[in-house]
Amino acid sequence: KQWYQRRVRGQYKAAVDSEATLRPLEFDNPTDSKAALYTDQVLFGDTILYSPRVRADEDSRVTYLPTGYWCAFSNGNCYSGPKEVETASGNEPSSFVFMKGGNVLLTQGAAATTTLARKEKFGLIVIVDKEGTANSTRFFDDGQSANSVSQGYYTLINYAVANETMKVSFEKNGYKDDLMSIKYGSIHIYGFTSKVSDVKVVRSGSTDKESVKSSCLLADDGVTYKLVIRENSVDIALKEEFSMSWTAG
């Protein structure tokens, strides 16, 4: 329920490259013969892997993770693929969702209509790779115009993580709707190999470092950490460029 009540935005690359958004594992892993065997798993873009239970009598299942660094949405455990893992039992769809390292996702709450949903705060999910880096570009337009790209009525936001810093900047800033004034809610960063602390934000055009309340949670695997910045801990809108830094160790 929690997962399906969120809308993942920004499947820009799939649209531009004419790729299928929903695809089998072997689509991104054509030389991996094992990936072709797991026909009951699916990739959403190149970032999200969904491995549902398909039998009513199953309490858990084996999930195949292809090449890459994958983090479990539910408990933050991270794995280096290719690898088979026992998926933790649970009734929530989020228990069977894995996210590929090196990527960034934006989520937004559900509502009765898309007009109302577009007023919900954004959740930011960052999944760093084994080197602690990530880089993704997210696409925004009004969601209904057929020629927003040709007319330049769209925005591209780049999220780049390296050297214990996340930089958020515009590649293109042509969409000026009220949507861009909506603020970030919670921010979750998965995949750290050591505990992080002392989180600070610097806004564009400023040199002031603002301290941010955060928690660094040890995953169930006892090895990796997830940084959690809860809702209302930051007061930053989607239309703002900023950087966020932290200290590891």
Protein backbone atom coordinates (compact mmCIF):
# COMPACT_ATOMS: atom_id res chain seq x y z
CA LYS A 1 0.00 0.00 0.00
CA GLN A 2 2.72 2.46 0.95
CA TRP A 3 4.58 1.92 -2.30
CA TYR A 4 1.54 2.08 -4.55
CA GLN A 5 0.39 5.28 -2.87
CA ARG A 6 3.46 7.03 -4.22
CA ARG A 7 4.01 8.16 -7.79
CA VAL A 8 7.55 7.81 -8.99
CA ARG A 9 8.36 10.74 -11.26
CA GLY A 10 11.06 11.22 -13.85
CA GLN A 11 11.16 8.26 -16.28
CA TYR A 12 12.66 10.78 -18.69
CA LYS A 13 15.45 8.65 -20.10
CA ALA A 14 13.10 5.81 -21.01
CA ALA A 15 10.84 8.19 -22.92
CA VAL A 16 13.66 9.96 -24.77
CA ASP A 17 15.40 6.72 -25.74
CA SER A 18 12.09 4.99 -26.66
CA GLU A 19 12.71 2.30 -24.07
CA ALA A 20 10.00 0.36 -22.28
CA THR A 21 9.38 1.75 -18.80
CA LEU A 22 8.18 -1.62 -17.46
CA ARG A 23 10.47 -4.43 -18.60
CA PRO A 24 11.86 -7.90 -17.79
CA LEU A 25 15.25 -8.35 -16.15
CA GLU A 26 16.88 -9.53 -19.37
CA PHE A 27 16.09 -6.19 -21.08
CA ASP A 28 18.93 -4.50 -19.20
CA ASN A 29 20.94 -7.72 -18.79
CA PRO A 30 20.91 -9.43 -22.22
CA THR A 31 24.05 -11.53 -21.55
CA ASP A 32 22.90 -12.74 -18.13
CA SER A 33 21.29 -16.14 -18.76
CA LYS A 34 20.03 -16.33 -15.18
CA ALA A 35 18.11 -13.06 -15.53
CA ALA A 36 15.97 -14.67 -18.23
CA LEU A 37 14.83 -17.34 -15.77
CA TYR A 38 13.19 -14.92 -13.35
CA THR A 39 10.16 -14.06 -15.45
CA ASP A 40 8.10 -13.10 -12.38
CA GLN A 41 10.35 -10.11 -11.55
CA VAL A 42 10.11 -6.78 -13.33
CA LEU A 43 12.19 -3.62 -13.73
CA PHE A 44 10.58 -0.18 -13.58
CA GLY A 45 12.96 1.89 -15.63
CA ASP A 46 16.58 1.05 -14.84
CA THR A 47 16.30 1.83 -11.12
CA ILE A 48 13.50 -0.16 -9.47
CA LEU A 49 13.27 -3.94 -9.32
CA TYR A 50 9.99 -5.47 -8.11
CA SER A 51 9.98 -9.10 -7.02
CA PRO A 52 6.49 -9.94 -5.74
CA ARG A 53 5.23 -13.07 -4.10
CA VAL A 54 3.27 -14.94 -6.73
CA ARG A 55 1.91 -17.82 -4.64
CA ALA A 56 -0.65 -17.45 -1.87
CA ASP A 57 1.19 -19.94 0.34
CA GLU A 58 4.55 -18.14 0.11
CA ASP A 59 5.86 -16.31 3.17
CA SER A 60 9.00 -15.21 1.32
CA ARG A 61 10.74 -15.79 -1.97
CA VAL A 62 14.15 -15.81 -3.66
CA THR A 63 14.92 -12.65 -5.57
CA TYR A 64 17.57 -12.48 -8.27
CA LEU A 65 19.53 -9.23 -8.35
CA PRO A 66 21.47 -8.72 -11.61
CA THR A 67 24.77 -6.88 -11.89
CA GLY A 68 24.82 -3.72 -9.81
CA TYR A 69 24.54 -2.50 -6.22
CA TRP A 70 20.98 -2.96 -4.94
CA CYS A 71 19.31 -1.68 -1.77
CA ALA A 72 16.06 -3.03 -0.32
CA PHE A 73 13.41 -0.35 0.05
CA SER A 74 11.93 -1.91 3.19
CA ASN A 75 14.96 -2.44 5.44
CA GLY A 76 17.92 -0.75 3.71
CA ASN A 77 19.93 -3.95 3.21
CA CYS A 78 22.32 -3.63 0.25
CA TYR A 79 23.72 -6.33 -2.03
CA SER A 80 26.22 -6.57 -4.88
CA GLY A 81 24.79 -8.47 -7.84
CA PRO A 82 24.59 -10.80 -9.53
CA LYS A 83 23.18 -12.49 -6.46
CA GLU A 84 20.18 -14.46 -5.22
CA VAL A 85 18.75 -13.22 -1.93
CA GLU A 86 15.93 -14.41 0.28
CA THR A 87 13.35 -11.64 0.29
CA ALA A 88 12.05 -10.88 3.77
CA SER A 89 8.49 -11.95 4.38
CA GLY A 90 5.83 -9.26 4.59
CA ASN A 91 2.49 -8.21 3.21
CA GLU A 92 3.48 -4.72 2.05
CA PRO A 93 4.46 -4.43 -1.63
CA SER A 94 7.46 -2.35 -0.49
CA SER A 95 8.90 -5.53 1.08
CA PHE A 96 9.72 -6.75 -2.42
CA VAL A 97 11.15 -3.57 -3.94
CA PHE A 98 14.88 -3.09 -4.61
CA MET A 99 16.56 0.08 -5.88
CA LYS A 100 19.74 0.20 -7.93
CA GLY A 101 22.68 2.17 -6.58
CA GLY A 102 23.83 5.31 -8.34
CA ASN A 103 20.30 6.65 -8.87
CA VAL A 104 17.84 9.17 -7.46
CA LEU A 105 14.06 8.88 -7.21
CA LEU A 106 11.37 11.44 -6.50
CA THR A 107 8.07 10.36 -4.98
CA GLN A 108 4.85 12.22 -4.35
CA GLY A 109 1.83 11.32 -2.24
CA ALA A 110 -1.45 10.15 -3.71
CA ALA A 111 -4.75 12.02 -3.71
CA ALA A 112 -8.23 11.67 -5.17
CA THR A 113 -7.18 13.43 -8.39
CA THR A 114 -3.88 14.21 -10.10
CA THR A 115 -4.62 17.91 -9.61
CA LEU A 116 -4.66 17.39 -5.85
CA ALA A 117 -1.75 14.95 -5.91
CA ARG A 118 0.46 17.58 -7.58
CA LYS A 119 0.14 19.66 -4.41
CA GLU A 120 1.71 16.98 -2.19
CA LYS A 121 5.28 17.36 -0.95
CA PHE A 122 8.02 15.50 -2.76
CA GLY A 123 10.00 12.69 -1.20
CA LEU A 124 13.63 12.40 -2.32
CA ILE A 125 15.23 8.95 -2.35
CA VAL A 126 18.93 8.67 -3.16
CA ILE A 127 20.64 5.30 -3.60
CA VAL A 128 24.40 5.64 -3.69
CA ASP A 129 26.58 3.00 -5.31
CA LYS A 130 29.51 1.21 -3.66
CA GLU A 131 31.70 4.27 -4.25
CA GLY A 132 29.16 6.52 -2.53
CA THR A 133 28.09 8.27 -5.73
CA ALA A 134 24.83 8.81 -7.60
CA ASN A 135 23.75 10.87 -10.59
CA SER A 136 20.25 11.26 -12.02
CA THR A 137 18.29 13.85 -13.96
CA ARG A 138 14.55 14.29 -13.30
CA PHE A 139 12.07 15.69 -15.81
CA PHE A 140 9.10 17.97 -15.03
CA ASP A 141 6.35 19.45 -17.17
CA ASP A 142 2.61 20.02 -16.82
CA GLY A 143 1.88 16.34 -17.46
CA GLN A 144 -0.57 16.90 -20.31
CA SER A 145 0.84 19.16 -23.02
CA ALA A 146 1.91 17.25 -26.13
CA ASN A 147 4.61 19.72 -27.18
CA SER A 148 6.16 20.86 -23.90
CA VAL A 149 9.65 19.70 -24.94
CA SER A 150 9.62 21.35 -28.37
CA GLN A 151 8.40 24.59 -26.78
CA GLY A 152 10.97 24.43 -23.97
CA TYR A 153 8.21 24.31 -21.34
CA TYR A 154 9.93 21.76 -19.11
CA THR A 155 12.55 21.51 -16.37
CA LEU A 156 15.45 19.11 -15.86
CA ILE A 157 16.88 18.85 -12.34
CA ASN A 158 20.19 17.08 -11.85
CA TYR A 159 21.02 15.33 -8.56
CA ALA A 160 24.72 14.49 -8.27
CA VAL A 161 26.29 12.80 -5.23
CA ALA A 162 30.07 12.52 -4.74
CA ASN A 163 32.64 13.24 -2.06
CA GLU A 164 30.04 13.32 0.76
CA THR A 165 28.03 16.04 -0.99
CA MET A 166 24.82 16.11 -3.00
CA LYS A 167 24.49 18.98 -5.49
CA VAL A 168 21.06 19.82 -6.90
CA SER A 169 21.08 22.02 -10.00
CA PHE A 170 19.07 22.81 -13.12
CA GLU A 171 20.08 21.54 -16.53
CA LYS A 172 17.01 23.27 -17.95
CA ASN A 173 14.56 25.51 -16.11
CA GLY A 174 11.66 26.25 -18.43
CA TYR A 175 8.72 25.03 -16.35
CA LYS A 176 7.51 27.73 -13.94
CA ASP A 177 4.24 26.23 -12.66
CA ASP A 178 3.18 26.23 -8.98
CA LEU A 179 4.38 22.62 -8.85
CA MET A 180 7.95 23.88 -8.64
CA SER A 181 7.11 25.77 -5.43
CA ILE A 182 6.22 22.55 -3.61
CA LYS A 183 8.77 21.68 -0.96
CA TYR A 184 10.77 18.55 -0.37
CA GLY A 185 9.40 16.46 2.46
CA SER A 186 11.49 13.55 3.71
CA ILE A 187 14.90 12.75 2.21
CA HIS A 188 16.29 9.21 2.44
CA ILE A 189 19.80 8.29 1.29
CA TYR A 190 20.49 4.54 1.07
CA GLY A 191 23.68 2.54 0.74
CA PHE A 192 26.28 4.15 3.01
CA THR A 193 29.04 1.80 4.15
CA SER A 194 29.79 3.87 7.27
CA LYS A 195 27.74 6.03 9.61
CA VAL A 196 27.25 9.65 8.54
CA SER A 197 26.44 12.75 10.57
CA ASP A 198 26.71 16.56 10.66
CA VAL A 199 24.33 17.14 7.73
CA LYS A 200 24.33 20.69 6.37
CA VAL A 201 22.60 22.53 3.52
CA VAL A 202 23.90 25.47 1.49
CA ARG A 203 21.37 27.27 -0.72
CA SER A 204 22.21 28.72 -4.11
CA GLY A 205 23.63 32.23 -3.80
CA SER A 206 24.53 31.75 -0.12
CA THR A 207 27.58 30.58 1.78
CA ASP A 208 25.70 29.91 5.02
CA LYS A 209 25.71 26.28 6.14
CA GLU A 210 22.38 25.35 7.70
CA SER A 211 22.41 22.38 10.07
CA VAL A 212 19.78 19.73 9.32
CA LYS A 213 18.24 17.32 11.83
CA SER A 214 18.83 13.77 10.65
CA SER A 215 19.13 10.15 11.74
CA CYS A 216 21.56 7.54 10.45
CA LEU A 217 20.02 4.09 10.73
CA LEU A 218 21.90 0.80 10.59
CA ALA A 219 20.27 -1.60 8.14
CA ASP A 220 19.18 -5.09 9.15
CA ASP A 221 22.29 -6.51 7.50
CA GLY A 222 24.43 -4.76 10.14
CA VAL A 223 26.71 -3.41 7.43
CA THR A 224 25.07 -0.54 5.55
CA TYR A 225 23.40 2.66 6.73
CA LYS A 226 20.49 4.84 5.63
CA LEU A 227 20.46 8.59 6.25
CA VAL A 228 16.96 9.86 7.07
CA ILE A 229 16.01 13.54 6.97
CA ARG A 230 12.43 13.69 8.12
CA GLU A 231 9.65 15.91 6.86
CA ASN A 232 9.86 19.56 7.93
CA SER A 233 13.60 19.22 8.70
CA VAL A 234 14.41 21.12 5.52
CA ASP A 235 12.58 24.07 4.00
CA ILE A 236 13.57 23.82 0.36
CA ALA A 237 11.31 23.99 -2.69
CA LEU A 238 11.72 22.06 -5.90
CA LYS A 239 12.62 25.29 -7.75
CA GLU A 240 15.71 25.88 -5.58
CA GLU A 241 19.26 24.83 -6.30
CA PHE A 242 21.21 23.70 -3.23
CA SER A 243 23.92 21.42 -1.93
CA MET A 244 23.79 19.04 1.03
CA SER A 245 26.89 17.69 2.72
CA TRP A 246 27.62 15.21 5.50
CA THR A 247 30.55 13.71 7.35
CA ALA A 248 31.28 9.99 7.13
CA GLY A 249 32.79 7.87 9.85
